Amino acid sequence: MEGKLGALMPRVDMDRERFDRASLLRLLDDDLTLMAELLHLAADMKDRIGDLGVSIRVNDMQSMKANAHKLKGAALGLTFNRLAGLAKRLEESSGTDCDKLMEIHREMMAEWAELESLIKAELR
């Protein structure tokens, strides 16, 4: 069963486009209304990214790793490929020094700003 599930899950790939609209629509059977609803729900990712920064600053690596994992899954599900890749880097870097973790976090914030613009354009 695990092998079948793994085959269905999207793969983290930082070289893919930022938001793969075509793939998301395929996953949703071309349901534009559902896509719009999911993109509206994606707005909470900004808060999740902020929570990651707090976890890093207070050196709560367990929380940081768990939240990065959740964010990675949510980003993959919405085909936010680069954000998923950054979340994966953060999740795998939990033993790294705080400065490096904050650098990845800053990259995530910048990536979210780009995604937020794409989402707003998509929802117009």
PDB file of N, CA and C in Angstrom:
ATOM      1  N   MET A   1       0.822  -1.194   0.000  1.00  0.00           N
ATOM      2  CA  MET A   1       0.000   0.000   0.000  1.00  0.00           C
ATOM      3  C   MET A   1       0.863   1.254   0.000  1.00  0.00           C
ATOM      4  N   GLU A   2       1.921   1.280   0.822  1.00  0.00           N
ATOM      5  CA  GLU A   2       2.773   2.453   0.915  1.00  0.00           C
ATOM      6  C   GLU A   2       3.385   2.795  -0.442  1.00  0.00           C
ATOM      7  N   GLY A   3       3.765   1.794  -1.209  1.00  0.00           N
ATOM      8  CA  GLY A   3       4.344   2.021  -2.523  1.00  0.00           C
ATOM      9  C   GLY A   3       3.358   2.690  -3.464  1.00  0.00           C
ATOM     10  N   LYS A   4       2.105   2.263  -3.416  1.00  0.00           N
ATOM     11  CA  LYS A   4       1.074   2.862  -4.273  1.00  0.00           C
ATOM     12  C   LYS A   4       0.817   4.311  -3.882  1.00  0.00           C
ATOM     13  N   LEU A   5       0.739   4.552  -2.576  1.00  0.00           N
ATOM     14  CA  LEU A   5       0.508   5.918  -2.100  1.00  0.00           C
ATOM     15  C   LEU A   5       1.665   6.820  -2.487  1.00  0.00           C
ATOM     16  N   GLY A   6       2.875   6.336  -2.334  1.00  0.00           N
ATOM     17  CA  GLY A   6       4.054   7.112  -2.701  1.00  0.00           C
ATOM     18  C   GLY A   6       4.065   7.476  -4.171  1.00  0.00           C
ATOM     19  N   ALA A   7       3.550   6.582  -5.004  1.00  0.00           N
ATOM     20  CA  ALA A   7       3.502   6.851  -6.438  1.00  0.00           C
ATOM     21  C   ALA A   7       2.510   7.956  -6.769  1.00  0.00           C
ATOM     22  N   LEU A   8       1.492   8.120  -5.939  1.00  0.00           N
ATOM     23  CA  LEU A   8       0.486   9.151  -6.176  1.00  0.00           C
ATOM     24  C   LEU A   8       0.915  10.529  -5.687  1.00  0.00           C
ATOM     25  N   MET A   9       1.791  10.561  -4.692  1.00  0.00           N
ATOM     26  CA  MET A   9       2.207  11.832  -4.099  1.00  0.00           C
ATOM     27  C   MET A   9       3.141  12.590  -5.035  1.00  0.00           C
ATOM     28  N   PRO A  10       2.946  13.897  -5.167  1.00  0.00           N
ATOM     29  CA  PRO A  10       3.870  14.691  -5.973  1.00  0.00           C
ATOM     30  C   PRO A  10       5.254  14.691  -5.337  1.00  0.00           C
ATOM     31  N   ARG A  11       6.239  14.870  -6.131  1.00  0.00           N
ATOM     32  CA  ARG A  11       7.622  14.875  -5.691  1.00  0.00           C
ATOM     33  C   ARG A  11       8.088  16.322  -5.504  1.00  0.00           C
ATOM     34  N   VAL A  12       8.877  16.576  -4.481  1.00  0.00           N
ATOM     35  CA  VAL A  12       9.428  17.916  -4.260  1.00  0.00           C
ATOM     36  C   VAL A  12      10.484  18.163  -5.323  1.00  0.00           C
ATOM     37  N   ASP A  13      10.308  19.237  -6.088  1.00  0.00           N
ATOM     38  CA  ASP A  13      11.249  19.562  -7.160  1.00  0.00           C
ATOM     39  C   ASP A  13      11.338  21.076  -7.271  1.00  0.00           C
ATOM     40  N   MET A  14      12.431  21.642  -6.762  1.00  0.00           N
ATOM     41  CA  MET A  14      12.620  23.096  -6.749  1.00  0.00           C
ATOM     42  C   MET A  14      12.768  23.675  -8.155  1.00  0.00           C
ATOM     43  N   ASP A  15      13.081  22.840  -9.137  1.00  0.00           N
ATOM     44  CA  ASP A  15      13.284  23.339 -10.489  1.00  0.00           C
ATOM     45  C   ASP A  15      11.971  23.457 -11.268  1.00  0.00           C
ATOM     46  N   ARG A  16      10.903  22.893 -10.730  1.00  0.00           N
ATOM     47  CA  ARG A  16       9.612  23.014 -11.400  1.00  0.00           C
ATOM     48  C   ARG A  16       9.073  24.417 -11.182  1.00  0.00           C
ATOM     49  N   GLU A  17       8.056  24.760 -11.940  1.00  0.00           N
ATOM     50  CA  GLU A  17       7.504  26.103 -11.821  1.00  0.00           C
ATOM     51  C   GLU A  17       6.931  26.353 -10.425  1.00  0.00           C
ATOM     52  N   ARG A  18       6.863  27.606 -10.065  1.00  0.00           N
ATOM     53  CA  ARG A  18       6.438  28.042  -8.726  1.00  0.00           C
ATOM     54  C   ARG A  18       5.055  27.481  -8.378  1.00  0.00           C
ATOM     55  N   PHE A  19       4.092  27.648  -9.277  1.00  0.00           N
ATOM     56  CA  PHE A  19       2.727  27.151  -9.086  1.00  0.00           C
ATOM     57  C   PHE A  19       2.332  26.440 -10.371  1.00  0.00           C
ATOM     58  N   ASP A  20       2.081  25.158 -10.276  1.00  0.00           N
ATOM     59  CA  ASP A  20       1.748  24.353 -11.455  1.00  0.00           C
ATOM     60  C   ASP A  20       0.232  24.259 -11.583  1.00  0.00           C
ATOM     61  N   ARG A  21      -0.344  25.296 -12.167  1.00  0.00           N
ATOM     62  CA  ARG A  21      -1.795  25.409 -12.301  1.00  0.00           C
ATOM     63  C   ARG A  21      -2.377  24.229 -13.060  1.00  0.00           C
ATOM     64  N   ALA A  22      -1.726  23.846 -14.148  1.00  0.00           N
ATOM     65  CA  ALA A  22      -2.234  22.756 -14.986  1.00  0.00           C
ATOM     66  C   ALA A  22      -2.295  21.443 -14.199  1.00  0.00           C
ATOM     67  N   SER A  23      -1.263  21.156 -13.432  1.00  0.00           N
ATOM     68  CA  SER A  23      -1.257  19.917 -12.635  1.00  0.00           C
ATOM     69  C   SER A  23      -2.334  19.946 -11.561  1.00  0.00           C
ATOM     70  N   LEU A  24      -2.499  21.102 -10.908  1.00  0.00           N
ATOM     71  CA  LEU A  24      -3.533  21.206  -9.881  1.00  0.00           C
ATOM     72  C   LEU A  24      -4.909  20.994 -10.496  1.00  0.00           C
ATOM     73  N   LEU A  25      -5.154  21.603 -11.631  1.00  0.00           N
ATOM     74  CA  LEU A  25      -6.453  21.413 -12.287  1.00  0.00           C
ATOM     75  C   LEU A  25      -6.676  19.958 -12.678  1.00  0.00           C
ATOM     76  N   ARG A  26      -5.632  19.284 -13.154  1.00  0.00           N
ATOM     77  CA  ARG A  26      -5.765  17.849 -13.474  1.00  0.00           C
ATOM     78  C   ARG A  26      -6.147  17.052 -12.227  1.00  0.00           C
ATOM     79  N   LEU A  27      -5.491  17.363 -11.106  1.00  0.00           N
ATOM     80  CA  LEU A  27      -5.807  16.668  -9.852  1.00  0.00           C
ATOM     81  C   LEU A  27      -7.251  16.912  -9.421  1.00  0.00           C
ATOM     82  N   LEU A  28      -7.786  18.061  -9.790  1.00  0.00           N
ATOM     83  CA  LEU A  28      -9.144  18.454  -9.393  1.00  0.00           C
ATOM     84  C   LEU A  28     -10.172  18.206 -10.490  1.00  0.00           C
ATOM     85  N   ASP A  29      -9.819  17.406 -11.471  1.00  0.00           N
ATOM     86  CA  ASP A  29     -10.715  17.129 -12.609  1.00  0.00           C
ATOM     87  C   ASP A  29     -11.223  18.407 -13.259  1.00  0.00           C
ATOM     88  N   ASP A  30     -10.335  19.366 -13.415  1.00  0.00           N
ATOM     89  CA  ASP A  30     -10.622  20.646 -14.073  1.00  0.00           C
ATOM     90  C   ASP A  30     -11.739  21.454 -13.408  1.00  0.00           C
ATOM     91  N   ASP A  31     -11.889  21.289 -12.106  1.00  0.00           N
ATOM     92  CA  ASP A  31     -12.914  22.011 -11.358  1.00  0.00           C
ATOM     93  C   ASP A  31     -12.340  23.355 -10.892  1.00  0.00           C
ATOM     94  N   LEU A  32     -12.629  24.409 -11.666  1.00  0.00           N
ATOM     95  CA  LEU A  32     -12.113  25.737 -11.351  1.00  0.00           C
ATOM     96  C   LEU A  32     -12.648  26.285 -10.031  1.00  0.00           C
ATOM     97  N   THR A  33     -13.888  25.958  -9.714  1.00  0.00           N
ATOM     98  CA  THR A  33     -14.476  26.428  -8.462  1.00  0.00           C
ATOM     99  C   THR A  33     -13.737  25.833  -7.265  1.00  0.00           C
ATOM    100  N   LEU A  34     -13.463  24.544  -7.333  1.00  0.00           N
ATOM    101  CA  LEU A  34     -12.725  23.888  -6.251  1.00  0.00           C
ATOM    102  C   LEU A  34     -11.310  24.446  -6.146  1.00  0.00           C
ATOM    103  N   MET A  35     -10.681  24.695  -7.287  1.00  0.00           N
ATOM    104  CA  MET A  35      -9.343  25.265  -7.258  1.00  0.00           C
ATOM    105  C   MET A  35      -9.362  26.627  -6.562  1.00  0.00           C
ATOM    106  N   ALA A  36     -10.344  27.448  -6.894  1.00  0.00           N
ATOM    107  CA  ALA A  36     -10.452  28.770  -6.271  1.00  0.00           C
ATOM    108  C   ALA A  36     -10.652  28.642  -4.762  1.00  0.00           C
ATOM    109  N   GLU A  37     -11.478  27.689  -4.333  1.00  0.00           N
ATOM    110  CA  GLU A  37     -11.697  27.486  -2.900  1.00  0.00           C
ATOM    111  C   GLU A  37     -10.405  27.072  -2.205  1.00  0.00           C
ATOM    112  N   LEU A  38      -9.662  26.168  -2.823  1.00  0.00           N
ATOM    113  CA  LEU A  38      -8.393  25.715  -2.237  1.00  0.00           C
ATOM    114  C   LEU A  38      -7.385  26.858  -2.161  1.00  0.00           C
ATOM    115  N   LEU A  39      -7.342  27.681  -3.193  1.00  0.00           N
ATOM    116  CA  LEU A  39      -6.411  28.807  -3.183  1.00  0.00           C
ATOM    117  C   LEU A  39      -6.798  29.821  -2.111  1.00  0.00           C
ATOM    118  N   HIS A  40      -8.085  30.001  -1.871  1.00  0.00           N
ATOM    119  CA  HIS A  40      -8.521  30.866  -0.771  1.00  0.00           C
ATOM    120  C   HIS A  40      -8.025  30.310   0.563  1.00  0.00           C
ATOM    121  N   LEU A  41      -8.148  29.003   0.728  1.00  0.00           N
ATOM    122  CA  LEU A  41      -7.708  28.363   1.971  1.00  0.00           C
ATOM    123  C   LEU A  41      -6.193  28.436   2.149  1.00  0.00           C
ATOM    124  N   ALA A  42      -5.471  28.568   1.059  1.00  0.00           N
ATOM    125  CA  ALA A  42      -4.006  28.612   1.121  1.00  0.00           C
ATOM    126  C   ALA A  42      -3.505  29.846   1.852  1.00  0.00           C
ATOM    127  N   ALA A  43      -4.355  30.826   2.050  1.00  0.00           N
ATOM    128  CA  ALA A  43      -3.933  32.070   2.711  1.00  0.00           C
ATOM    129  C   ALA A  43      -3.352  31.812   4.094  1.00  0.00           C
ATOM    130  N   ASP A  44      -3.754  30.728   4.748  1.00  0.00           N
ATOM    131  CA  ASP A  44      -3.224  30.455   6.089  1.00  0.00           C
ATOM    132  C   ASP A  44      -1.765  30.001   6.054  1.00  0.00           C
ATOM    133  N   MET A  45      -1.231  29.744   4.878  1.00  0.00           N
ATOM    134  CA  MET A  45       0.174  29.350   4.780  1.00  0.00           C
ATOM    135  C   MET A  45       1.093  30.461   5.278  1.00  0.00           C
ATOM    136  N   LYS A  46       0.676  31.695   5.098  1.00  0.00           N
ATOM    137  CA  LYS A  46       1.489  32.811   5.595  1.00  0.00           C
ATOM    138  C   LYS A  46       1.668  32.690   7.109  1.00  0.00           C
ATOM    139  N   ASP A  47       0.585  32.348   7.808  1.00  0.00           N
ATOM    140  CA  ASP A  47       0.663  32.161   9.262  1.00  0.00           C
ATOM    141  C   ASP A  47       1.550  30.965   9.609  1.00  0.00           C
ATOM    142  N   ARG A  48       1.433  29.904   8.852  1.00  0.00           N
ATOM    143  CA  ARG A  48       2.265  28.715   9.097  1.00  0.00           C
ATOM    144  C   ARG A  48       3.749  29.049   8.927  1.00  0.00           C
ATOM    145  N   ILE A  49       4.046  29.825   7.912  1.00  0.00           N
ATOM    146  CA  ILE A  49       5.444  30.221   7.684  1.00  0.00           C
ATOM    147  C   ILE A  49       5.919  31.106   8.830  1.00  0.00           C
ATOM    148  N   GLY A  50       5.052  31.998   9.293  1.00  0.00           N
ATOM    149  CA  GLY A  50       5.388  32.829  10.449  1.00  0.00           C
ATOM    150  C   GLY A  50       5.649  31.994  11.693  1.00  0.00           C
ATOM    151  N   ASP A  51       4.816  30.970  11.903  1.00  0.00           N
ATOM    152  CA  ASP A  51       5.009  30.074  13.047  1.00  0.00           C
ATOM    153  C   ASP A  51       6.354  29.356  12.971  1.00  0.00           C
ATOM    154  N   LEU A  52       6.778  29.018  11.767  1.00  0.00           N
ATOM    155  CA  LEU A  52       8.093  28.382  11.603  1.00  0.00           C
ATOM    156  C   LEU A  52       9.192  29.317  12.093  1.00  0.00           C
ATOM    157  N   GLY A  53       9.085  30.589  11.757  1.00  0.00           N
ATOM    158  CA  GLY A  53      10.078  31.568  12.202  1.00  0.00           C
ATOM    159  C   GLY A  53      10.140  31.663  13.718  1.00  0.00           C
ATOM    160  N   VAL A  54       8.977  31.620  14.364  1.00  0.00           N
ATOM    161  CA  VAL A  54       8.931  31.657  15.829  1.00  0.00           C
ATOM    162  C   VAL A  54       9.621  30.420  16.399  1.00  0.00           C
ATOM    163  N   SER A  55       9.308  29.261  15.829  1.00  0.00           N
ATOM    164  CA  SER A  55       9.933  28.015  16.314  1.00  0.00           C
ATOM    165  C   SER A  55      11.452  28.073  16.198  1.00  0.00           C
ATOM    166  N   ILE A  56      11.931  28.655  15.110  1.00  0.00           N
ATOM    167  CA  ILE A  56      13.385  28.767  14.919  1.00  0.00           C
ATOM    168  C   ILE A  56      13.975  29.711  15.969  1.00  0.00           C
ATOM    169  N   ARG A  57      13.339  30.884  16.153  1.00  0.00           N
ATOM    170  CA  ARG A  57      13.865  31.877  17.089  1.00  0.00           C
ATOM    171  C   ARG A  57      13.914  31.372  18.528  1.00  0.00           C
ATOM    172  N   VAL A  58      12.932  30.544  18.922  1.00  0.00           N
ATOM    173  CA  VAL A  58      12.922  30.033  20.299  1.00  0.00           C
ATOM    174  C   VAL A  58      13.622  28.676  20.391  1.00  0.00           C
ATOM    175  N   ASN A  59      14.215  28.255  19.273  1.00  0.00           N
ATOM    176  CA  ASN A  59      14.988  27.016  19.214  1.00  0.00           C
ATOM    177  C   ASN A  59      14.145  25.775  19.536  1.00  0.00           C
ATOM    178  N   ASP A  60      12.893  25.772  19.073  1.00  0.00           N
ATOM    179  CA  ASP A  60      12.009  24.613  19.239  1.00  0.00           C
ATOM    180  C   ASP A  60      12.069  23.791  17.957  1.00  0.00           C
ATOM    181  N   MET A  61      13.106  22.979  17.851  1.00  0.00           N
ATOM    182  CA  MET A  61      13.363  22.238  16.620  1.00  0.00           C
ATOM    183  C   MET A  61      12.319  21.158  16.361  1.00  0.00           C
ATOM    184  N   GLN A  62      11.757  20.601  17.392  1.00  0.00           N
ATOM    185  CA  GLN A  62      10.720  19.584  17.209  1.00  0.00           C
ATOM    186  C   GLN A  62       9.495  20.205  16.535  1.00  0.00           C
ATOM    187  N   SER A  63       9.061  21.346  17.035  1.00  0.00           N
ATOM    188  CA  SER A  63       7.927  22.055  16.450  1.00  0.00           C
ATOM    189  C   SER A  63       8.256  22.536  15.041  1.00  0.00           C
ATOM    190  N   MET A  64       9.460  23.064  14.853  1.00  0.00           N
ATOM    191  CA  MET A  64       9.876  23.551  13.535  1.00  0.00           C
ATOM    192  C   MET A  64       9.835  22.422  12.516  1.00  0.00           C
ATOM    193  N   LYS A  65      10.371  21.279  12.878  1.00  0.00           N
ATOM    194  CA  LYS A  65      10.416  20.152  11.956  1.00  0.00           C
ATOM    195  C   LYS A  65       8.998  19.653  11.634  1.00  0.00           C
ATOM    196  N   ALA A  66       8.144  19.542  12.646  1.00  0.00           N
ATOM    197  CA  ALA A  66       6.771  19.085  12.432  1.00  0.00           C
ATOM    198  C   ALA A  66       5.993  20.066  11.552  1.00  0.00           C
ATOM    199  N   ASN A  67       6.149  21.366  11.826  1.00  0.00           N
ATOM    200  CA  ASN A  67       5.433  22.374  11.030  1.00  0.00           C
ATOM    201  C   ASN A  67       5.971  22.462   9.608  1.00  0.00           C
ATOM    202  N   ALA A  68       7.268  22.294   9.440  1.00  0.00           N
ATOM    203  CA  ALA A  68       7.843  22.291   8.098  1.00  0.00           C
ATOM    204  C   ALA A  68       7.307  21.106   7.306  1.00  0.00           C
ATOM    205  N   HIS A  69       7.168  19.975   7.959  1.00  0.00           N
ATOM    206  CA  HIS A  69       6.632  18.776   7.303  1.00  0.00           C
ATOM    207  C   HIS A  69       5.181  18.999   6.852  1.00  0.00           C
ATOM    208  N   LYS A  70       4.371  19.589   7.731  1.00  0.00           N
ATOM    209  CA  LYS A  70       2.971  19.885   7.388  1.00  0.00           C
ATOM    210  C   LYS A  70       2.890  20.871   6.231  1.00  0.00           C
ATOM    211  N   LEU A  71       3.712  21.901   6.285  1.00  0.00           N
ATOM    212  CA  LEU A  71       3.718  22.908   5.229  1.00  0.00           C
ATOM    213  C   LEU A  71       4.150  22.289   3.906  1.00  0.00           C
ATOM    214  N   LYS A  72       5.137  21.417   3.960  1.00  0.00           N
ATOM    215  CA  LYS A  72       5.602  20.741   2.738  1.00  0.00           C
ATOM    216  C   LYS A  72       4.456  19.963   2.105  1.00  0.00           C
ATOM    217  N   GLY A  73       3.712  19.226   2.907  1.00  0.00           N
ATOM    218  CA  GLY A  73       2.590  18.451   2.380  1.00  0.00           C
ATOM    219  C   GLY A  73       1.499  19.329   1.783  1.00  0.00           C
ATOM    220  N   ALA A  74       1.167  20.398   2.480  1.00  0.00           N
ATOM    221  CA  ALA A  74       0.141  21.319   1.974  1.00  0.00           C
ATOM    222  C   ALA A  74       0.604  21.978   0.677  1.00  0.00           C
ATOM    223  N   ALA A  75       1.866  22.388   0.640  1.00  0.00           N
ATOM    224  CA  ALA A  75       2.405  23.035  -0.566  1.00  0.00           C
ATOM    225  C   ALA A  75       2.424  22.063  -1.736  1.00  0.00           C
ATOM    226  N   LEU A  76       2.807  20.825  -1.492  1.00  0.00           N
ATOM    227  CA  LEU A  76       2.797  19.828  -2.558  1.00  0.00           C
ATOM    228  C   LEU A  76       1.390  19.606  -3.089  1.00  0.00           C
ATOM    229  N   GLY A  77       0.427  19.527  -2.180  1.00  0.00           N
ATOM    230  CA  GLY A  77      -0.954  19.308  -2.584  1.00  0.00           C
ATOM    231  C   GLY A  77      -1.511  20.422  -3.444  1.00  0.00           C
ATOM    232  N   LEU A  78      -0.988  21.632  -3.246  1.00  0.00           N
ATOM    233  CA  LEU A  78      -1.448  22.781  -4.035  1.00  0.00           C
ATOM    234  C   LEU A  78      -0.512  23.091  -5.201  1.00  0.00           C
ATOM    235  N   THR A  79       0.451  22.250  -5.420  1.00  0.00           N
ATOM    236  CA  THR A  79       1.469  22.385  -6.475  1.00  0.00           C
ATOM    237  C   THR A  79       2.291  23.666  -6.334  1.00  0.00           C
ATOM    238  N   PHE A  80       2.551  24.065  -5.094  1.00  0.00           N
ATOM    239  CA  PHE A  80       3.459  25.179  -4.814  1.00  0.00           C
ATOM    240  C   PHE A  80       4.854  24.567  -4.672  1.00  0.00           C
ATOM    241  N   ASN A  81       5.455  24.269  -5.790  1.00  0.00           N
ATOM    242  CA  ASN A  81       6.652  23.430  -5.843  1.00  0.00           C
ATOM    243  C   ASN A  81       7.856  24.007  -5.107  1.00  0.00           C
ATOM    244  N   ARG A  82       8.136  25.258  -5.325  1.00  0.00           N
ATOM    245  CA  ARG A  82       9.315  25.859  -4.681  1.00  0.00           C
ATOM    246  C   ARG A  82       9.120  25.986  -3.173  1.00  0.00           C
ATOM    247  N   LEU A  83       7.914  26.350  -2.756  1.00  0.00           N
ATOM    248  CA  LEU A  83       7.635  26.445  -1.322  1.00  0.00           C
ATOM    249  C   LEU A  83       7.790  25.070  -0.677  1.00  0.00           C
ATOM    250  N   ALA A  84       7.320  24.031  -1.354  1.00  0.00           N
ATOM    251  CA  ALA A  84       7.475  22.666  -0.838  1.00  0.00           C
ATOM    252  C   ALA A  84       8.955  22.309  -0.706  1.00  0.00           C
ATOM    253  N   GLY A  85       9.751  22.709  -1.684  1.00  0.00           N
ATOM    254  CA  GLY A  85      11.188  22.432  -1.635  1.00  0.00           C
ATOM    255  C   GLY A  85      11.870  23.145  -0.481  1.00  0.00           C
ATOM    256  N   LEU A  86      11.465  24.376  -0.234  1.00  0.00           N
ATOM    257  CA  LEU A  86      12.048  25.124   0.892  1.00  0.00           C
ATOM    258  C   LEU A  86      11.624  24.513   2.228  1.00  0.00           C
ATOM    259  N   ALA A  87      10.365  24.085   2.309  1.00  0.00           N
ATOM    260  CA  ALA A  87       9.901  23.438   3.536  1.00  0.00           C
ATOM    261  C   ALA A  87      10.668  22.138   3.773  1.00  0.00           C
ATOM    262  N   LYS A  88      10.936  21.411   2.711  1.00  0.00           N
ATOM    263  CA  LYS A  88      11.716  20.179   2.827  1.00  0.00           C
ATOM    264  C   LYS A  88      13.130  20.487   3.325  1.00  0.00           C
ATOM    265  N   ARG A  89      13.746  21.528   2.757  1.00  0.00           N
ATOM    266  CA  ARG A  89      15.092  21.920   3.222  1.00  0.00           C
ATOM    267  C   ARG A  89      15.082  22.261   4.704  1.00  0.00           C
ATOM    268  N   LEU A  90      14.061  22.997   5.129  1.00  0.00           N
ATOM    269  CA  LEU A  90      13.965  23.376   6.537  1.00  0.00           C
ATOM    270  C   LEU A  90      13.775  22.131   7.406  1.00  0.00           C
ATOM    271  N   GLU A  91      12.887  21.261   6.984  1.00  0.00           N
ATOM    272  CA  GLU A  91      12.616  20.031   7.741  1.00  0.00           C
ATOM    273  C   GLU A  91      13.892  19.189   7.898  1.00  0.00           C
ATOM    274  N   GLU A  92      14.679  19.115   6.848  1.00  0.00           N
ATOM    275  CA  GLU A  92      15.887  18.288   6.869  1.00  0.00           C
ATOM    276  C   GLU A  92      17.083  18.998   7.517  1.00  0.00           C
ATOM    277  N   SER A  93      16.929  20.273   7.828  1.00  0.00           N
ATOM    278  CA  SER A  93      18.036  21.047   8.397  1.00  0.00           C
ATOM    279  C   SER A  93      17.861  21.309   9.880  1.00  0.00           C
ATOM    280  N   SER A  94      17.054  20.531  10.550  1.00  0.00           N
ATOM    281  CA  SER A  94      16.728  20.827  11.953  1.00  0.00           C
ATOM    282  C   SER A  94      17.948  20.819  12.875  1.00  0.00           C
ATOM    283  N   GLY A  95      19.037  20.196  12.482  1.00  0.00           N
ATOM    284  CA  GLY A  95      20.235  20.201  13.317  1.00  0.00           C
ATOM    285  C   GLY A  95      21.202  21.315  12.981  1.00  0.00           C
ATOM    286  N   THR A  96      20.823  22.178  12.050  1.00  0.00           N
ATOM    287  CA  THR A  96      21.679  23.251  11.567  1.00  0.00           C
ATOM    288  C   THR A  96      21.594  24.467  12.495  1.00  0.00           C
ATOM    289  N   ASP A  97      22.577  25.347  12.381  1.00  0.00           N
ATOM    290  CA  ASP A  97      22.561  26.536  13.235  1.00  0.00           C
ATOM    291  C   ASP A  97      21.395  27.467  12.866  1.00  0.00           C
ATOM    292  N   CYS A  98      21.038  28.282  13.820  1.00  0.00           N
ATOM    293  CA  CYS A  98      19.876  29.166  13.704  1.00  0.00           C
ATOM    294  C   CYS A  98      19.976  30.118  12.516  1.00  0.00           C
ATOM    295  N   ASP A  99      21.164  30.641  12.234  1.00  0.00           N
ATOM    296  CA  ASP A  99      21.325  31.583  11.118  1.00  0.00           C
ATOM    297  C   ASP A  99      20.956  30.937   9.787  1.00  0.00           C
ATOM    298  N   LYS A 100      21.378  29.705   9.587  1.00  0.00           N
ATOM    299  CA  LYS A 100      21.057  28.986   8.350  1.00  0.00           C
ATOM    300  C   LYS A 100      19.555  28.731   8.259  1.00  0.00           C
ATOM    301  N   LEU A 101      18.956  28.348   9.367  1.00  0.00           N
ATOM    302  CA  LEU A 101      17.513  28.112   9.387  1.00  0.00           C
ATOM    303  C   LEU A 101      16.747  29.394   9.095  1.00  0.00           C
ATOM    304  N   MET A 102      17.198  30.510   9.662  1.00  0.00           N
ATOM    305  CA  MET A 102      16.532  31.787   9.398  1.00  0.00           C
ATOM    306  C   MET A 102      16.696  32.212   7.946  1.00  0.00           C
ATOM    307  N   GLU A 103      17.817  31.878   7.348  1.00  0.00           N
ATOM    308  CA  GLU A 103      18.025  32.172   5.926  1.00  0.00           C
ATOM    309  C   GLU A 103      17.002  31.421   5.077  1.00  0.00           C
ATOM    310  N   ILE A 104      16.810  30.140   5.366  1.00  0.00           N
ATOM    311  CA  ILE A 104      15.804  29.356   4.634  1.00  0.00           C
ATOM    312  C   ILE A 104      14.424  29.941   4.890  1.00  0.00           C
ATOM    313  N   HIS A 105      14.159  30.344   6.126  1.00  0.00           N
ATOM    314  CA  HIS A 105      12.868  30.935   6.458  1.00  0.00           C
ATOM    315  C   HIS A 105      12.631  32.222   5.659  1.00  0.00           C
ATOM    316  N   ARG A 106      13.654  33.043   5.538  1.00  0.00           N
ATOM    317  CA  ARG A 106      13.518  34.280   4.738  1.00  0.00           C
ATOM    318  C   ARG A 106      13.202  33.939   3.277  1.00  0.00           C
ATOM    319  N   GLU A 107      13.841  32.903   2.752  1.00  0.00           N
ATOM    320  CA  GLU A 107      13.545  32.458   1.384  1.00  0.00           C
ATOM    321  C   GLU A 107      12.087  32.020   1.266  1.00  0.00           C
ATOM    322  N   MET A 108      11.592  31.355   2.305  1.00  0.00           N
ATOM    323  CA  MET A 108      10.188  30.919   2.304  1.00  0.00           C
ATOM    324  C   MET A 108       9.246  32.119   2.298  1.00  0.00           C
ATOM    325  N   MET A 109       9.572  33.133   3.090  1.00  0.00           N
ATOM    326  CA  MET A 109       8.733  34.335   3.129  1.00  0.00           C
ATOM    327  C   MET A 109       8.706  35.019   1.765  1.00  0.00           C
ATOM    328  N   ALA A 110       9.861  35.095   1.119  1.00  0.00           N
ATOM    329  CA  ALA A 110       9.928  35.705  -0.215  1.00  0.00           C
ATOM    330  C   ALA A 110       9.146  34.868  -1.228  1.00  0.00           C
ATOM    331  N   GLU A 111       9.270  33.562  -1.125  1.00  0.00           N
ATOM    332  CA  GLU A 111       8.521  32.680  -2.034  1.00  0.00           C
ATOM    333  C   GLU A 111       7.025  32.834  -1.813  1.00  0.00           C
ATOM    334  N   TRP A 112       6.607  32.923  -0.552  1.00  0.00           N
ATOM    335  CA  TRP A 112       5.184  33.106  -0.278  1.00  0.00           C
ATOM    336  C   TRP A 112       4.694  34.427  -0.867  1.00  0.00           C
ATOM    337  N   ALA A 113       5.483  35.473  -0.794  1.00  0.00           N
ATOM    338  CA  ALA A 113       5.075  36.765  -1.366  1.00  0.00           C
ATOM    339  C   ALA A 113       4.816  36.613  -2.866  1.00  0.00           C
ATOM    340  N   GLU A 114       5.670  35.866  -3.546  1.00  0.00           N
ATOM    341  CA  GLU A 114       5.473  35.620  -4.985  1.00  0.00           C
ATOM    342  C   GLU A 114       4.207  34.798  -5.223  1.00  0.00           C
ATOM    343  N   LEU A 115       4.029  33.759  -4.421  1.00  0.00           N
ATOM    344  CA  LEU A 115       2.837  32.915  -4.567  1.00  0.00           C
ATOM    345  C   LEU A 115       1.560  33.698  -4.283  1.00  0.00           C
ATOM    346  N   GLU A 116       1.615  34.536  -3.270  1.00  0.00           N
ATOM    347  CA  GLU A 116       0.446  35.330  -2.909  1.00  0.00           C
ATOM    348  C   GLU A 116      -0.001  36.205  -4.085  1.00  0.00           C
ATOM    349  N   SER A 117       0.966  36.772  -4.798  1.00  0.00           N
ATOM    350  CA  SER A 117       0.641  37.572  -5.990  1.00  0.00           C
ATOM    351  C   SER A 117      -0.003  36.711  -7.067  1.00  0.00           C
ATOM    352  N   LEU A 118       0.549  35.515  -7.270  1.00  0.00           N
ATOM    353  CA  LEU A 118      -0.028  34.598  -8.272  1.00  0.00           C
ATOM    354  C   LEU A 118      -1.438  34.179  -7.888  1.00  0.00           C
ATOM    355  N   ILE A 119      -1.649  33.912  -6.607  1.00  0.00           N
ATOM    356  CA  ILE A 119      -2.977  33.498  -6.140  1.00  0.00           C
ATOM    357  C   ILE A 119      -3.976  34.634  -6.339  1.00  0.00           C
ATOM    358  N   LYS A 120      -3.598  35.839  -5.975  1.00  0.00           N
ATOM    359  CA  LYS A 120      -4.508  36.986  -6.149  1.00  0.00           C
ATOM    360  C   LYS A 120      -4.872  37.163  -7.615  1.00  0.00           C
ATOM    361  N   ALA A 121      -3.886  37.021  -8.496  1.00  0.00           N
ATOM    362  CA  ALA A 121      -4.163  37.136  -9.932  1.00  0.00           C
ATOM    363  C   ALA A 121      -5.091  36.017 -10.399  1.00  0.00           C
ATOM    364  N   GLU A 122      -4.878  34.821  -9.887  1.00  0.00           N
ATOM    365  CA  GLU A 122      -5.698  33.677 -10.266  1.00  0.00           C
ATOM    366  C   GLU A 122      -7.139  33.835  -9.812  1.00  0.00           C
ATOM    367  N   LEU A 123      -7.351  34.479  -8.676  1.00  0.00           N
ATOM    368  CA  LEU A 123      -8.692  34.605  -8.111  1.00  0.00           C
ATOM    369  C   LEU A 123      -9.461  35.810  -8.649  1.00  0.00           C
ATOM    370  N   ARG A 124      -8.828  36.618  -9.449  1.00  0.00           N
ATOM    371  CA  ARG A 124      -9.534  37.785 -10.028  1.00  0.00           C
ATOM    372  C   ARG A 124     -10.512  37.350 -11.094  1.00  0.00           C
TER     373      ARG A 124
END
